[in-house]
Amino acid sequence: MKALVLTDNKELEIRSDHPIADAPTEDSILVKVAACGVCGSDIPRGFGGKAYHYPLVMGHEFSGVVAEDKEGSEFKKGDRVAIFPLIPLNKKEPAYHTGDWAQLKEYDYFGSRRDGAFSEYLRAPETNLFKIPAHVDTLHASMTEPAAVALHGVRKMKVQAGHVGVVIGGGPIGNMCGQWLKIHGCEKVFLTDVDERKLALAEEMGLIPINSAKTDPVKEVLKLTNNEGAQNVIEACGLPQTFLQALAIASRAGEVVFMGNIMGQFSIDEKAFSSILRRELSVYGTWNSKIFPKGTDDWTTVLQYMDKQLVVAPLISDVVSLEEGPEIFQSIVNRSRFHNKVIFNINS
């Protein structure tokens, strides 16, 4: 099959004869990949020497079509599906039975630990498949994974109607965090970033943009909230400076979710740490998303809201073919031009 293969650090090539990886589980079913998004984590993995092995097919944000009929399966050939990328390896772990698969110690993962979806086909466990509702565009459904990551972080907090929310970082996940905060009841949601294009997109989504390159975002939020701050704050950037901003922006008894993967060393001085205690802040870490309990899980919820209240189409800056893979990755790494969400249109 055709695949975009990471042959070594910073080396990508198109192969037409790459083999389909073995099935990860006995209940796996063949999926024809429709579309797959580029995640920020693909950059250090592909261009920072962070790959588990070479060769590797990256890609873990994807939608597809079931490519075979299998006896006893609830899926049939032609069903459109979104695919959860984490695969448990040890069913004896407590987290397996509670459904907290993101807390498993032993797991496989499409696009990092095993070949992923920058390819025409792969085999995926049926448990990891979610049927795409009729109202959702197949290409948009490839954003189910990042949308679920955003939702999972928002669900950590007790968002109530009338709350003020703040998201630091205007990338696709940050933008969707802002949308989820509004869906959950926040009256106002501020989004801070340094890129005017991302801020313009945020404003399109009904968020209130703050350019943190032109103004101090902490002072601006406090000014716009009568010096009260925000009850719900999400850090979706990953810089030590923005971690501190998130803590400073929170209101008394406020909640802060750290979502961004930290770049650099984070330290906090005595005064700032004391302020966390004095204001009785709740600080949460978050990673990945949940696919249980079925029906109210993050993935089912995303697919119910996508292309309705949750708008993803404007976040997509590039739709490209696998053949354009080496070029588009080079542009992302070198920041040659603006990229927000890049999606490979493989078979959609």
C-alpha atoms as a PDB file:
ATOM      1  CA  MET A   1       0.000   0.000   0.000  1.00  0.00           C
ATOM      2  CA  LYS A   2       0.976   3.656  -0.272  1.00  0.00           C
ATOM      3  CA  ALA A   3       2.316   5.280   2.903  1.00  0.00           C
ATOM      4  CA  LEU A   4       4.285   8.303   4.078  1.00  0.00           C
ATOM      5  CA  VAL A   5       7.172   6.669   5.926  1.00  0.00           C
ATOM      6  CA  LEU A   6       9.567   8.163   8.460  1.00  0.00           C
ATOM      7  CA  THR A   7      12.745   6.289   7.513  1.00  0.00           C
ATOM      8  CA  ASP A   8      15.026   8.159   9.925  1.00  0.00           C
ATOM      9  CA  ASN A   9      15.056  11.386  11.910  1.00  0.00           C
ATOM     10  CA  LYS A  10      14.021  14.234   9.549  1.00  0.00           C
ATOM     11  CA  GLU A  11      13.665  11.767   6.654  1.00  0.00           C
ATOM     12  CA  LEU A  12      10.244  11.197   5.089  1.00  0.00           C
ATOM     13  CA  GLU A  13       9.521   9.339   1.874  1.00  0.00           C
ATOM     14  CA  ILE A  14       6.527   8.040  -0.040  1.00  0.00           C
ATOM     15  CA  ARG A  15       6.452   4.285  -0.493  1.00  0.00           C
ATOM     16  CA  SER A  16       3.989   2.456  -2.712  1.00  0.00           C
ATOM     17  CA  ASP A  17       4.758  -1.019  -1.359  1.00  0.00           C
ATOM     18  CA  HIS A  18       4.712  -0.499   2.401  1.00  0.00           C
ATOM     19  CA  PRO A  19       3.139  -3.533   4.123  1.00  0.00           C
ATOM     20  CA  ILE A  20      -0.029  -3.255   6.215  1.00  0.00           C
ATOM     21  CA  ALA A  21       0.949  -3.819   9.848  1.00  0.00           C
ATOM     22  CA  ASP A  22      -0.233  -6.937  11.647  1.00  0.00           C
ATOM     23  CA  ALA A  23      -3.504  -6.711  13.546  1.00  0.00           C
ATOM     24  CA  PRO A  24      -2.917  -5.426  17.091  1.00  0.00           C
ATOM     25  CA  THR A  25      -5.790  -7.503  18.544  1.00  0.00           C
ATOM     26  CA  GLU A  26      -7.869 -10.540  17.582  1.00  0.00           C
ATOM     27  CA  ASP A  27     -10.975  -8.416  17.053  1.00  0.00           C
ATOM     28  CA  SER A  28      -9.207  -6.011  14.680  1.00  0.00           C
ATOM     29  CA  ILE A  29     -10.809  -5.124  11.389  1.00  0.00           C
ATOM     30  CA  LEU A  30      -9.332  -3.660   8.201  1.00  0.00           C
ATOM     31  CA  VAL A  31      -9.905   0.088   7.790  1.00  0.00           C
ATOM     32  CA  LYS A  32      -9.308   2.133   4.667  1.00  0.00           C
ATOM     33  CA  VAL A  33      -7.976   5.464   5.903  1.00  0.00           C
ATOM     34  CA  ALA A  34      -9.974   8.446   4.680  1.00  0.00           C
ATOM     35  CA  ALA A  35      -8.145  11.379   6.263  1.00  0.00           C
ATOM     36  CA  CYS A  36      -5.490  11.941   8.906  1.00  0.00           C
ATOM     37  CA  GLY A  37      -4.448  15.122  10.667  1.00  0.00           C
ATOM     38  CA  VAL A  38      -0.965  16.253  11.604  1.00  0.00           C
ATOM     39  CA  CYS A  39      -0.578  16.618  15.376  1.00  0.00           C
ATOM     40  CA  GLY A  40       1.915  18.918  17.064  1.00  0.00           C
ATOM     41  CA  SER A  41       3.480  15.815  18.613  1.00  0.00           C
ATOM     42  CA  ASP A  42       4.370  14.550  15.130  1.00  0.00           C
ATOM     43  CA  ILE A  43       6.982  17.303  14.815  1.00  0.00           C
ATOM     44  CA  PRO A  44       9.356  16.246  17.633  1.00  0.00           C
ATOM     45  CA  ARG A  45       8.627  12.626  16.775  1.00  0.00           C
ATOM     46  CA  GLY A  46       9.580  13.038  13.138  1.00  0.00           C
ATOM     47  CA  PHE A  47      12.062  15.895  13.291  1.00  0.00           C
ATOM     48  CA  GLY A  48      13.400  15.811  16.845  1.00  0.00           C
ATOM     49  CA  GLY A  49      14.593  12.230  17.101  1.00  0.00           C
ATOM     50  CA  LYS A  50      11.658  11.202  19.330  1.00  0.00           C
ATOM     51  CA  ALA A  51      10.443   8.227  17.267  1.00  0.00           C
ATOM     52  CA  TYR A  52      10.270   4.849  19.023  1.00  0.00           C
ATOM     53  CA  HIS A  53      11.665   3.108  15.946  1.00  0.00           C
ATOM     54  CA  TYR A  54      12.359   3.428  12.229  1.00  0.00           C
ATOM     55  CA  PRO A  55      10.793   2.962   9.790  1.00  0.00           C
ATOM     56  CA  LEU A  56       7.574   4.394  11.191  1.00  0.00           C
ATOM     57  CA  VAL A  57       4.288   5.534   9.678  1.00  0.00           C
ATOM     58  CA  MET A  58       3.071   8.414  11.829  1.00  0.00           C
ATOM     59  CA  GLY A  59      -0.517   9.647  12.147  1.00  0.00           C
ATOM     60  CA  HIS A  60      -3.005   9.073  14.968  1.00  0.00           C
ATOM     61  CA  GLU A  61      -5.816  11.579  14.217  1.00  0.00           C
ATOM     62  CA  PHE A  62      -7.834   9.797  11.576  1.00  0.00           C
ATOM     63  CA  SER A  63     -11.132   8.757  10.068  1.00  0.00           C
ATOM     64  CA  GLY A  64     -11.756   5.900   7.688  1.00  0.00           C
ATOM     65  CA  VAL A  65     -14.103   3.386   6.131  1.00  0.00           C
ATOM     66  CA  VAL A  66     -14.431  -0.240   7.207  1.00  0.00           C
ATOM     67  CA  ALA A  67     -12.884  -2.214   4.334  1.00  0.00           C
ATOM     68  CA  GLU A  68     -14.192  -5.725   5.019  1.00  0.00           C
ATOM     69  CA  ASP A  69     -17.153  -7.659   6.332  1.00  0.00           C
ATOM     70  CA  LYS A  70     -16.297  -9.764   9.358  1.00  0.00           C
ATOM     71  CA  GLU A  71     -18.480 -12.417  10.917  1.00  0.00           C
ATOM     72  CA  GLY A  72     -19.921 -11.358  14.262  1.00  0.00           C
ATOM     73  CA  SER A  73     -18.886  -7.741  13.850  1.00  0.00           C
ATOM     74  CA  GLU A  74     -21.205  -4.809  14.535  1.00  0.00           C
ATOM     75  CA  PHE A  75     -19.469  -3.021  11.674  1.00  0.00           C
ATOM     76  CA  LYS A  76     -19.933  -3.720   7.993  1.00  0.00           C
ATOM     77  CA  LYS A  77     -17.941  -2.868   4.915  1.00  0.00           C
ATOM     78  CA  GLY A  78     -18.514   0.778   4.000  1.00  0.00           C
ATOM     79  CA  ASP A  79     -19.220   2.068   7.511  1.00  0.00           C
ATOM     80  CA  ARG A  80     -17.546   5.413   8.143  1.00  0.00           C
ATOM     81  CA  VAL A  81     -15.582   5.425  11.389  1.00  0.00           C
ATOM     82  CA  ALA A  82     -13.346   7.522  13.619  1.00  0.00           C
ATOM     83  CA  ILE A  83     -10.598   5.574  15.372  1.00  0.00           C
ATOM     84  CA  PHE A  84      -9.298   5.950  18.930  1.00  0.00           C
ATOM     85  CA  PRO A  85      -5.507   5.487  18.650  1.00  0.00           C
ATOM     86  CA  LEU A  86      -4.586   3.938  22.033  1.00  0.00           C
ATOM     87  CA  ILE A  87      -4.549   0.129  22.251  1.00  0.00           C
ATOM     88  CA  PRO A  88      -4.385  -1.616  25.672  1.00  0.00           C
ATOM     89  CA  LEU A  89      -1.853  -4.425  26.019  1.00  0.00           C
ATOM     90  CA  ASN A  90      -2.588  -5.698  29.530  1.00  0.00           C
ATOM     91  CA  LYS A  91      -6.218  -6.384  30.418  1.00  0.00           C
ATOM     92  CA  LYS A  92      -5.236  -7.072  34.028  1.00  0.00           C
ATOM     93  CA  GLU A  93      -4.444  -3.424  34.717  1.00  0.00           C
ATOM     94  CA  PRO A  94      -7.121  -1.681  36.865  1.00  0.00           C
ATOM     95  CA  ALA A  95      -7.285   1.228  34.408  1.00  0.00           C
ATOM     96  CA  TYR A  96      -8.414  -1.192  31.694  1.00  0.00           C
ATOM     97  CA  HIS A  97     -11.531  -2.102  33.664  1.00  0.00           C
ATOM     98  CA  THR A  98     -12.347   1.428  34.806  1.00  0.00           C
ATOM     99  CA  GLY A  99     -12.102   2.725  31.229  1.00  0.00           C
ATOM    100  CA  ASP A 100      -9.283   5.111  32.103  1.00  0.00           C
ATOM    101  CA  TRP A 101      -7.150   3.815  29.247  1.00  0.00           C
ATOM    102  CA  ALA A 102      -5.034   6.969  29.198  1.00  0.00           C
ATOM    103  CA  GLN A 103      -3.688   5.808  32.584  1.00  0.00           C
ATOM    104  CA  LEU A 104      -2.558   2.391  31.343  1.00  0.00           C
ATOM    105  CA  LYS A 105       1.093   1.535  31.855  1.00  0.00           C
ATOM    106  CA  GLU A 106       1.187  -0.947  28.994  1.00  0.00           C
ATOM    107  CA  TYR A 107      -0.294   0.149  25.700  1.00  0.00           C
ATOM    108  CA  ASP A 108       0.314   0.399  21.981  1.00  0.00           C
ATOM    109  CA  TYR A 109      -0.411   3.521  19.951  1.00  0.00           C
ATOM    110  CA  PHE A 110      -1.096   4.174  16.284  1.00  0.00           C
ATOM    111  CA  GLY A 111       1.418   6.546  14.725  1.00  0.00           C
ATOM    112  CA  SER A 112       4.044   6.330  17.454  1.00  0.00           C
ATOM    113  CA  ARG A 113       4.576   2.855  18.880  1.00  0.00           C
ATOM    114  CA  ARG A 114       3.158   1.147  15.803  1.00  0.00           C
ATOM    115  CA  ASP A 115       2.422   2.211  12.218  1.00  0.00           C
ATOM    116  CA  GLY A 116      -0.327   4.799  11.972  1.00  0.00           C
ATOM    117  CA  ALA A 117      -2.615   6.438   9.475  1.00  0.00           C
ATOM    118  CA  PHE A 118      -0.355   8.331   7.067  1.00  0.00           C
ATOM    119  CA  SER A 119      -1.185   5.315   4.932  1.00  0.00           C
ATOM    120  CA  GLU A 120      -3.965   3.795   2.865  1.00  0.00           C
ATOM    121  CA  TYR A 121      -4.900   0.980   5.252  1.00  0.00           C
ATOM    122  CA  LEU A 122      -4.479  -0.304   8.794  1.00  0.00           C
ATOM    123  CA  ARG A 123      -6.103  -2.826  11.098  1.00  0.00           C
ATOM    124  CA  ALA A 124      -7.790  -1.437  14.212  1.00  0.00           C
ATOM    125  CA  PRO A 125      -9.590  -3.026  17.190  1.00  0.00           C
ATOM    126  CA  GLU A 126     -13.365  -2.842  16.884  1.00  0.00           C
ATOM    127  CA  THR A 127     -13.561  -1.410  20.419  1.00  0.00           C
ATOM    128  CA  ASN A 128     -11.652   1.623  19.117  1.00  0.00           C
ATOM    129  CA  LEU A 129     -14.060   2.332  16.252  1.00  0.00           C
ATOM    130  CA  PHE A 130     -16.838   4.912  16.398  1.00  0.00           C
ATOM    131  CA  LYS A 131     -19.423   5.213  13.653  1.00  0.00           C
ATOM    132  CA  ILE A 132     -19.509   8.673  12.114  1.00  0.00           C
ATOM    133  CA  PRO A 133     -23.031  10.189  12.201  1.00  0.00           C
ATOM    134  CA  ALA A 134     -24.624  11.155   8.894  1.00  0.00           C
ATOM    135  CA  HIS A 135     -24.307  14.889   9.633  1.00  0.00           C
ATOM    136  CA  VAL A 136     -20.502  14.773  10.064  1.00  0.00           C
ATOM    137  CA  ASP A 137     -18.155  15.242   7.106  1.00  0.00           C
ATOM    138  CA  THR A 138     -15.665  12.364   6.787  1.00  0.00           C
ATOM    139  CA  LEU A 139     -12.670  14.684   6.514  1.00  0.00           C
ATOM    140  CA  HIS A 140     -13.832  16.682   9.536  1.00  0.00           C
ATOM    141  CA  ALA A 141     -14.188  13.427  11.485  1.00  0.00           C
ATOM    142  CA  SER A 142     -10.397  13.051  11.385  1.00  0.00           C
ATOM    143  CA  MET A 143     -10.416  15.828  13.995  1.00  0.00           C
ATOM    144  CA  THR A 144     -12.368  13.702  16.467  1.00  0.00           C
ATOM    145  CA  GLU A 145      -9.203  12.828  18.400  1.00  0.00           C
ATOM    146  CA  PRO A 146      -8.005  16.414  19.089  1.00  0.00           C
ATOM    147  CA  ALA A 147     -11.598  17.516  19.693  1.00  0.00           C
ATOM    148  CA  ALA A 148     -11.938  14.724  22.278  1.00  0.00           C
ATOM    149  CA  VAL A 149      -8.655  15.756  23.923  1.00  0.00           C
ATOM    150  CA  ALA A 150     -10.069  19.283  24.252  1.00  0.00           C
ATOM    151  CA  LEU A 151     -13.375  18.012  25.633  1.00  0.00           C
ATOM    152  CA  HIS A 152     -11.629  15.714  28.109  1.00  0.00           C
ATOM    153  CA  GLY A 153      -9.740  18.679  29.555  1.00  0.00           C
ATOM    154  CA  VAL A 154     -12.866  20.818  29.828  1.00  0.00           C
ATOM    155  CA  ARG A 155     -14.711  17.987  31.557  1.00  0.00           C
ATOM    156  CA  LYS A 156     -12.111  18.035  34.333  1.00  0.00           C
ATOM    157  CA  MET A 157     -13.684  21.270  35.548  1.00  0.00           C
ATOM    158  CA  LYS A 158     -17.061  22.109  37.040  1.00  0.00           C
ATOM    159  CA  VAL A 159     -18.130  24.604  34.387  1.00  0.00           C
ATOM    160  CA  GLN A 160     -21.371  26.377  35.252  1.00  0.00           C
ATOM    161  CA  ALA A 161     -23.665  28.685  33.332  1.00  0.00           C
ATOM    162  CA  GLY A 162     -22.428  32.259  33.560  1.00  0.00           C
ATOM    163  CA  HIS A 163     -18.805  31.380  34.237  1.00  0.00           C
ATOM    164  CA  VAL A 164     -15.907  33.189  32.572  1.00  0.00           C
ATOM    165  CA  GLY A 165     -13.405  30.999  30.755  1.00  0.00           C
ATOM    166  CA  VAL A 166      -9.914  31.661  29.441  1.00  0.00           C
ATOM    167  CA  VAL A 167      -7.884  29.579  27.006  1.00  0.00           C
ATOM    168  CA  ILE A 168      -4.195  30.323  26.564  1.00  0.00           C
ATOM    169  CA  GLY A 169      -3.094  29.188  23.116  1.00  0.00           C
ATOM    170  CA  GLY A 170      -5.104  29.577  19.925  1.00  0.00           C
ATOM    171  CA  GLY A 171      -4.158  26.435  18.008  1.00  0.00           C
ATOM    172  CA  PRO A 172      -6.831  23.933  16.949  1.00  0.00           C
ATOM    173  CA  ILE A 173      -7.062  22.274  20.378  1.00  0.00           C
ATOM    174  CA  GLY A 174      -7.080  25.611  22.188  1.00  0.00           C
ATOM    175  CA  ASN A 175      -9.788  26.917  19.883  1.00  0.00           C
ATOM    176  CA  MET A 176     -11.897  23.808  20.451  1.00  0.00           C
ATOM    177  CA  CYS A 177     -11.372  24.130  24.220  1.00  0.00           C
ATOM    178  CA  GLY A 178     -12.873  27.600  23.931  1.00  0.00           C
ATOM    179  CA  GLN A 179     -15.822  26.255  21.986  1.00  0.00           C
ATOM    180  CA  TRP A 180     -16.394  23.476  24.537  1.00  0.00           C
ATOM    181  CA  LEU A 181     -16.307  25.995  27.401  1.00  0.00           C
ATOM    182  CA  LYS A 182     -19.084  27.967  25.696  1.00  0.00           C
ATOM    183  CA  ILE A 183     -21.072  24.791  24.953  1.00  0.00           C
ATOM    184  CA  HIS A 184     -20.802  23.862  28.644  1.00  0.00           C
ATOM    185  CA  GLY A 185     -22.193  27.199  29.734  1.00  0.00           C
ATOM    186  CA  CYS A 186     -19.456  29.830  29.991  1.00  0.00           C
ATOM    187  CA  GLU A 187     -20.952  33.236  29.305  1.00  0.00           C
ATOM    188  CA  LYS A 188     -17.644  34.674  28.109  1.00  0.00           C
ATOM    189  CA  VAL A 189     -14.511  32.904  26.920  1.00  0.00           C
ATOM    190  CA  PHE A 190     -11.292  34.809  26.312  1.00  0.00           C
ATOM    191  CA  LEU A 191      -8.590  33.296  24.116  1.00  0.00           C
ATOM    192  CA  THR A 192      -5.017  34.605  24.183  1.00  0.00           C
ATOM    193  CA  ASP A 193      -2.391  34.138  21.483  1.00  0.00           C
ATOM    194  CA  VAL A 194       0.258  36.115  19.612  1.00  0.00           C
ATOM    195  CA  ASP A 195      -0.963  35.238  16.095  1.00  0.00           C
ATOM    196  CA  GLU A 196      -3.621  37.539  14.653  1.00  0.00           C
ATOM    197  CA  ARG A 197      -4.840  34.814  12.263  1.00  0.00           C
ATOM    198  CA  LYS A 198      -5.597  32.444  15.141  1.00  0.00           C
ATOM    199  CA  LEU A 199      -7.211  35.269  17.069  1.00  0.00           C
ATOM    200  CA  ALA A 200      -9.413  36.097  14.085  1.00  0.00           C
ATOM    201  CA  LEU A 201     -10.537  32.454  13.923  1.00  0.00           C
ATOM    202  CA  ALA A 202     -11.293  32.535  17.638  1.00  0.00           C
ATOM    203  CA  GLU A 203     -13.469  35.603  17.176  1.00  0.00           C
ATOM    204  CA  GLU A 204     -15.360  33.767  14.425  1.00  0.00           C
ATOM    205  CA  MET A 205     -16.173  31.080  17.011  1.00  0.00           C
ATOM    206  CA  GLY A 206     -17.618  33.627  19.414  1.00  0.00           C
ATOM    207  CA  LEU A 207     -14.530  33.810  21.616  1.00  0.00           C
ATOM    208  CA  ILE A 208     -13.022  37.077  22.835  1.00  0.00           C
ATOM    209  CA  PRO A 209      -9.483  37.466  21.435  1.00  0.00           C
ATOM    210  CA  ILE A 210      -6.567  38.926  23.383  1.00  0.00           C
ATOM    211  CA  ASN A 211      -3.270  39.489  21.606  1.00  0.00           C
ATOM    212  CA  SER A 212      -0.686  38.686  24.272  1.00  0.00           C
ATOM    213  CA  ALA A 213       2.075  40.150  22.092  1.00  0.00           C
ATOM    214  CA  LYS A 214       0.453  43.567  22.395  1.00  0.00           C
ATOM    215  CA  THR A 215      -0.927  43.500  25.931  1.00  0.00           C
ATOM    216  CA  ASP A 216      -0.355  41.683  29.201  1.00  0.00           C
ATOM    217  CA  PRO A 217      -3.047  38.949  29.095  1.00  0.00           C
ATOM    218  CA  VAL A 218      -3.242  38.696  32.894  1.00  0.00           C
ATOM    219  CA  LYS A 219      -3.877  42.429  33.331  1.00  0.00           C
ATOM    220  CA  GLU A 220      -6.307  42.446  30.387  1.00  0.00           C
ATOM    221  CA  VAL A 221      -8.421  39.571  31.718  1.00  0.00           C
ATOM    222  CA  LEU A 222      -8.502  41.082  35.205  1.00  0.00           C
ATOM    223  CA  LYS A 223      -9.516  44.448  33.761  1.00  0.00           C
ATOM    224  CA  LEU A 224     -12.332  42.865  31.733  1.00  0.00           C
ATOM    225  CA  THR A 225     -13.612  40.855  34.705  1.00  0.00           C
ATOM    226  CA  ASN A 226     -13.691  43.636  37.314  1.00  0.00           C
ATOM    227  CA  ASN A 227     -10.484  42.254  38.800  1.00  0.00           C
ATOM    228  CA  GLU A 228     -12.163  38.911  39.560  1.00  0.00           C
ATOM    229  CA  GLY A 229     -10.410  36.663  37.022  1.00  0.00           C
ATOM    230  CA  ALA A 230     -11.836  33.575  35.347  1.00  0.00           C
ATOM    231  CA  GLN A 231     -13.416  30.544  37.002  1.00  0.00           C
ATOM    232  CA  ASN A 232     -12.197  28.153  34.291  1.00  0.00           C
ATOM    233  CA  VAL A 233      -8.726  28.488  32.748  1.00  0.00           C
ATOM    234  CA  ILE A 234      -7.018  26.168  30.263  1.00  0.00           C
ATOM    235  CA  GLU A 235      -3.331  26.357  29.361  1.00  0.00           C
ATOM    236  CA  ALA A 236      -3.061  24.915  25.836  1.00  0.00           C
ATOM    237  CA  CYS A 237       0.285  26.362  24.796  1.00  0.00           C
ATOM    238  CA  GLY A 238       3.000  24.615  26.789  1.00  0.00           C
ATOM    239  CA  LEU A 239       5.349  27.431  27.757  1.00  0.00           C
ATOM    240  CA  PRO A 240       6.561  28.047  31.331  1.00  0.00           C
ATOM    241  CA  GLN A 241       5.440  31.679  31.008  1.00  0.00           C
ATOM    242  CA  THR A 242       1.897  30.702  29.997  1.00  0.00           C
ATOM    243  CA  PHE A 243       1.652  28.162  32.833  1.00  0.00           C
ATOM    244  CA  LEU A 244       2.239  31.050  35.245  1.00  0.00           C
ATOM    245  CA  GLN A 245      -0.236  33.245  33.350  1.00  0.00           C
ATOM    246  CA  ALA A 246      -2.924  30.568  33.721  1.00  0.00           C
ATOM    247  CA  LEU A 247      -2.474  30.496  37.490  1.00  0.00           C
ATOM    248  CA  ALA A 248      -2.516  34.294  37.721  1.00  0.00           C
ATOM    249  CA  ILE A 249      -5.663  34.646  35.608  1.00  0.00           C
ATOM    250  CA  ALA A 250      -7.755  32.257  37.702  1.00  0.00           C
ATOM    251  CA  SER A 251     -10.344  33.659  40.083  1.00  0.00           C
ATOM    252  CA  ARG A 252     -10.606  32.758  43.750  1.00  0.00           C
ATOM    253  CA  ALA A 253     -11.645  29.072  43.964  1.00  0.00           C
ATOM    254  CA  GLY A 254     -10.992  28.926  40.235  1.00  0.00           C
ATOM    255  CA  GLU A 255      -9.969  25.878  38.212  1.00  0.00           C
ATOM    256  CA  VAL A 256      -6.908  25.545  35.984  1.00  0.00           C
ATOM    257  CA  VAL A 257      -6.239  22.747  33.488  1.00  0.00           C
ATOM    258  CA  PHE A 258      -2.697  22.249  32.224  1.00  0.00           C
ATOM    259  CA  MET A 259      -3.058  20.763  28.753  1.00  0.00           C
ATOM    260  CA  GLY A 260      -0.017  21.965  26.809  1.00  0.00           C
ATOM    261  CA  ASN A 261       3.071  19.749  26.683  1.00  0.00           C
ATOM    262  CA  ILE A 262       5.684  21.766  28.571  1.00  0.00           C
ATOM    263  CA  MET A 263       8.647  23.087  26.603  1.00  0.00           C
ATOM    264  CA  GLY A 264      11.475  24.089  28.922  1.00  0.00           C
ATOM    265  CA  GLN A 265      11.703  24.109  32.699  1.00  0.00           C
ATOM    266  CA  PHE A 266       8.763  25.332  34.729  1.00  0.00           C
ATOM    267  CA  SER A 267       9.440  26.961  38.095  1.00  0.00           C
ATOM    268  CA  ILE A 268       7.288  29.035  40.401  1.00  0.00           C
ATOM    269  CA  ASP A 269       8.322  31.529  43.039  1.00  0.00           C
ATOM    270  CA  GLU A 270       7.143  31.635  46.637  1.00  0.00           C
ATOM    271  CA  LYS A 271       4.625  34.444  46.145  1.00  0.00           C
ATOM    272  CA  ALA A 272       2.942  32.834  43.139  1.00  0.00           C
ATOM    273  CA  PHE A 273       2.741  29.453  44.843  1.00  0.00           C
ATOM    274  CA  SER A 274       1.330  30.999  48.012  1.00  0.00           C
ATOM    275  CA  SER A 275      -1.340  32.644  45.855  1.00  0.00           C
ATOM    276  CA  ILE A 276      -2.472  29.193  44.662  1.00  0.00           C
ATOM    277  CA  LEU A 277      -3.032  28.204  48.291  1.00  0.00           C
ATOM    278  CA  ARG A 278      -4.605  31.474  49.390  1.00  0.00           C
ATOM    279  CA  ARG A 279      -7.053  31.496  46.463  1.00  0.00           C
ATOM    280  CA  GLU A 280      -7.727  27.758  46.882  1.00  0.00           C
ATOM    281  CA  LEU A 281      -7.235  26.988  43.207  1.00  0.00           C
ATOM    282  CA  SER A 282      -7.904  23.537  41.769  1.00  0.00           C
ATOM    283  CA  VAL A 283      -5.180  22.548  39.303  1.00  0.00           C
ATOM    284  CA  TYR A 284      -5.636  19.580  36.966  1.00  0.00           C
ATOM    285  CA  GLY A 285      -3.425  17.709  34.580  1.00  0.00           C
ATOM    286  CA  THR A 286      -4.984  16.129  31.509  1.00  0.00           C
ATOM    287  CA  TRP A 287      -3.867  13.740  28.789  1.00  0.00           C
ATOM    288  CA  ASN A 288      -5.693  12.058  25.941  1.00  0.00           C
ATOM    289  CA  SER A 289      -9.426  11.258  26.195  1.00  0.00           C
ATOM    290  CA  LYS A 290     -11.917   8.583  27.256  1.00  0.00           C
ATOM    291  CA  ILE A 291     -14.019   6.183  25.195  1.00  0.00           C
ATOM    292  CA  PHE A 292     -15.979   4.857  28.195  1.00  0.00           C
ATOM    293  CA  PRO A 293     -18.695   4.709  29.341  1.00  0.00           C
ATOM    294  CA  LYS A 294     -20.038   4.232  25.835  1.00  0.00           C
ATOM    295  CA  GLY A 295     -22.662   6.785  24.905  1.00  0.00           C
ATOM    296  CA  THR A 296     -21.478   9.584  27.185  1.00  0.00           C
ATOM    297  CA  ASP A 297     -17.759   9.158  26.440  1.00  0.00           C
ATOM    298  CA  ASP A 298     -15.634  11.933  24.953  1.00  0.00           C
ATOM    299  CA  TRP A 299     -15.619  10.462  21.431  1.00  0.00           C
ATOM    300  CA  THR A 300     -19.360   9.871  21.108  1.00  0.00           C
ATOM    301  CA  THR A 301     -20.012  13.366  22.455  1.00  0.00           C
ATOM    302  CA  VAL A 302     -17.602  14.946  19.967  1.00  0.00           C
ATOM    303  CA  LEU A 303     -19.268  13.204  17.031  1.00  0.00           C
ATOM    304  CA  GLN A 304     -22.707  14.312  18.230  1.00  0.00           C
ATOM    305  CA  TYR A 305     -21.617  17.954  18.354  1.00  0.00           C
ATOM    306  CA  MET A 306     -19.214  18.101  15.395  1.00  0.00           C
ATOM    307  CA  ASP A 307     -20.411  20.099  12.380  1.00  0.00           C
ATOM    308  CA  LYS A 308     -23.210  21.446  14.583  1.00  0.00           C
ATOM    309  CA  GLN A 309     -22.271  23.373  17.753  1.00  0.00           C
ATOM    310  CA  LEU A 310     -18.610  22.347  17.442  1.00  0.00           C
ATOM    311  CA  VAL A 311     -17.213  23.973  14.296  1.00  0.00           C
ATOM    312  CA  VAL A 312     -13.955  22.566  12.923  1.00  0.00           C
ATOM    313  CA  ALA A 313     -13.908  23.450   9.211  1.00  0.00           C
ATOM    314  CA  PRO A 314     -12.397  26.968   9.633  1.00  0.00           C
ATOM    315  CA  LEU A 315      -9.538  25.514  11.679  1.00  0.00           C
ATOM    316  CA  ILE A 316      -8.299  23.464   8.707  1.00  0.00           C
ATOM    317  CA  SER A 317      -5.621  25.452   6.888  1.00  0.00           C
ATOM    318  CA  ASP A 318      -4.279  22.747   4.545  1.00  0.00           C
ATOM    319  CA  VAL A 319      -5.758  19.654   2.896  1.00  0.00           C
ATOM    320  CA  VAL A 320      -2.987  17.787   1.087  1.00  0.00           C
ATOM    321  CA  SER A 321      -2.137  14.427  -0.438  1.00  0.00           C
ATOM    322  CA  LEU A 322       0.339  11.937   1.003  1.00  0.00           C
ATOM    323  CA  GLU A 323       2.681  12.785  -1.882  1.00  0.00           C
ATOM    324  CA  GLU A 324       2.872  16.348  -0.545  1.00  0.00           C
ATOM    325  CA  GLY A 325       3.876  15.028   2.885  1.00  0.00           C
ATOM    326  CA  PRO A 326       7.624  15.703   2.866  1.00  0.00           C
ATOM    327  CA  GLU A 327       7.078  19.236   1.561  1.00  0.00           C
ATOM    328  CA  ILE A 328       4.304  20.162   3.998  1.00  0.00           C
ATOM    329  CA  PHE A 329       6.228  18.837   6.995  1.00  0.00           C
ATOM    330  CA  GLN A 330       9.272  20.841   5.952  1.00  0.00           C
ATOM    331  CA  SER A 331       7.112  23.946   5.747  1.00  0.00           C
ATOM    332  CA  ILE A 332       5.663  23.279   9.216  1.00  0.00           C
ATOM    333  CA  VAL A 333       9.090  22.693  10.756  1.00  0.00           C
ATOM    334  CA  ASN A 334      10.656  25.738   9.076  1.00  0.00           C
ATOM    335  CA  ARG A 335       7.535  27.865   9.605  1.00  0.00           C
ATOM    336  CA  SER A 336       7.736  28.857   5.962  1.00  0.00           C
ATOM    337  CA  ARG A 337       4.053  29.802   5.948  1.00  0.00           C
ATOM    338  CA  PHE A 338       1.003  29.731   8.180  1.00  0.00           C
ATOM    339  CA  HIS A 339      -0.354  26.306   9.064  1.00  0.00           C
ATOM    340  CA  ASN A 340      -3.147  25.749  11.552  1.00  0.00           C
ATOM    341  CA  LYS A 341      -4.578  22.260  11.035  1.00  0.00           C
ATOM    342  CA  VAL A 342      -3.028  20.181   8.267  1.00  0.00           C
ATOM    343  CA  ILE A 343      -4.999  17.145   7.103  1.00  0.00           C
ATOM    344  CA  PHE A 344      -3.956  14.472   4.651  1.00  0.00           C
ATOM    345  CA  ASN A 345      -6.850  13.626   2.353  1.00  0.00           C
ATOM    346  CA  ILE A 346      -6.003  10.006   1.630  1.00  0.00           C
ATOM    347  CA  ASN A 347      -9.224   8.335   0.468  1.00  0.00           C
ATOM    348  CA  SER A 348     -12.070  10.625   1.525  1.00  0.00           C
END
